[in-house]
Protein backbone atom coordinates (compact mmCIF):
# COMPACT_ATOMS: atom_id res chain seq x y z
CA GLN A 1 89.33 103.71 97.94
CA VAL A 2 90.83 102.98 101.37
CA THR A 3 94.47 103.39 102.37
CA ASN A 4 95.84 102.05 105.65
CA ILE A 5 98.51 104.41 107.02
CA ALA A 6 100.76 102.96 109.73
CA PRO A 7 102.84 105.84 111.11
CA GLY A 8 104.67 104.05 113.92
CA ALA A 9 105.58 106.21 116.91
CA ILE A 10 104.92 109.90 116.34
CA ALA A 11 107.18 112.40 118.08
CA PHE A 12 105.28 114.95 120.16
CA ARG A 13 106.60 117.15 122.91
CA ASN A 14 106.42 115.33 126.27
CA ASN A 15 105.56 112.15 124.39
CA HIS A 16 105.49 109.86 127.42
CA ARG A 17 104.46 112.24 130.20
CA ASP A 18 100.93 110.84 130.51
CA MET A 19 101.88 107.17 130.07
CA SER A 20 101.65 104.68 132.90
CA HIS A 21 105.00 103.13 131.93
CA VAL A 22 108.40 104.35 130.78
CA PRO A 23 108.71 103.79 127.02
CA VAL A 24 111.43 101.45 125.83
CA ARG A 25 112.92 104.27 123.72
CA THR A 26 113.48 106.29 126.88
CA ARG A 27 115.32 103.45 128.58
CA PHE A 28 117.50 102.33 125.65
CA ARG A 29 119.46 104.91 123.67
CA ILE A 30 120.20 102.42 120.90
CA LEU A 31 116.47 102.20 120.12
CA ARG A 32 116.22 105.98 119.85
CA LEU A 33 119.06 105.89 117.32
CA LEU A 34 117.90 102.88 115.29
CA MET A 35 114.18 103.65 115.38
CA PRO A 36 113.62 107.40 115.59
CA MET A 37 110.07 108.65 115.95
CA VAL A 38 108.29 110.09 112.94
CA SER A 39 107.57 113.82 113.03
CA PRO A 40 103.92 114.91 112.87
CA ASN A 41 104.74 116.97 109.77
CA THR A 42 106.04 113.89 107.97
CA VAL A 43 102.78 112.07 108.71
CA VAL A 44 100.66 115.00 107.56
CA ASP A 45 102.70 115.46 104.37
CA ARG A 46 102.39 111.77 103.51
CA ILE A 47 98.63 111.74 104.15
CA GLU A 48 98.24 114.78 101.90
CA SER A 49 100.28 113.20 99.13
CA VAL A 50 98.24 109.97 99.33
CA MET A 51 95.00 111.95 99.15
CA GLU A 52 96.22 113.87 96.10
CA GLN A 53 97.26 110.74 94.18
CA GLY A 54 94.85 109.42 91.62
CA HIS A 55 95.54 105.82 92.61
CA SER A 56 96.78 105.50 96.18
CA PRO A 57 98.47 102.40 97.65
CA ALA A 58 96.57 100.03 99.94
CA ARG A 59 99.06 100.53 102.77
CA VAL A 60 101.61 103.20 103.67
CA VAL A 61 104.15 102.44 106.41
CA LEU A 62 106.01 105.39 107.94
CA GLY A 63 108.89 105.16 110.37
CA GLN A 64 111.53 102.56 111.00
CA ASP A 65 109.66 101.01 113.94
CA ALA A 66 106.51 100.53 111.87
CA ARG A 67 108.55 98.92 109.08
CA ILE A 68 110.20 96.50 111.51
CA VAL A 69 106.87 95.55 113.13
CA THR A 70 105.29 95.06 109.70
CA LEU A 71 108.10 92.75 108.59
CA LEU A 72 108.05 90.76 111.82
CA GLN A 73 104.30 90.33 111.70
CA ARG A 74 104.43 89.28 108.06
CA PHE A 75 107.23 86.72 108.32
CA LEU A 76 107.02 85.29 111.84
CA PRO A 77 104.65 82.40 112.48
CA SER A 78 101.63 83.67 114.41
CA PHE A 79 102.53 81.84 117.64
CA LEU A 80 105.98 83.51 117.65
CA TRP A 81 104.46 86.91 116.92
CA ASP A 82 102.05 86.42 119.84
CA ARG A 83 104.89 85.41 122.18
CA LEU A 84 106.95 88.42 121.10
CA GLN A 85 104.07 90.79 121.79
CA ASN A 86 103.40 89.21 125.18
CA PHE A 87 107.09 89.49 126.07
CA VAL A 88 107.26 93.18 125.10
CA TRP A 89 104.08 94.04 127.01
CA SER A 90 105.20 92.15 130.10
CA ARG A 91 108.47 94.12 130.05
CA GLN A 92 106.51 97.38 129.77
CA GLU A 93 104.42 96.53 132.82
CA ARG A 94 107.54 95.94 134.91
CA GLY A 95 108.92 99.34 133.89
């Protein structure tokens, strides 16, 4: 059996030090409050619990950001989803 685990952004020390751009969460405090990163321990605990279950779900979504992206991708028409992604990535490149 296969389970897809979507953890969203995982909080590590110096999370964006090696990135070529400044993450949106760093620039906008409201995003840090509304969509906090998932701790590595939460991800590990959830993976362990899925592995121990007799019948695991097909998909596990962890973190508020992963939930929002999942909902947007599911309910937006594909052309709008593509435009949204292109917009976000173009904003990242500008820094």
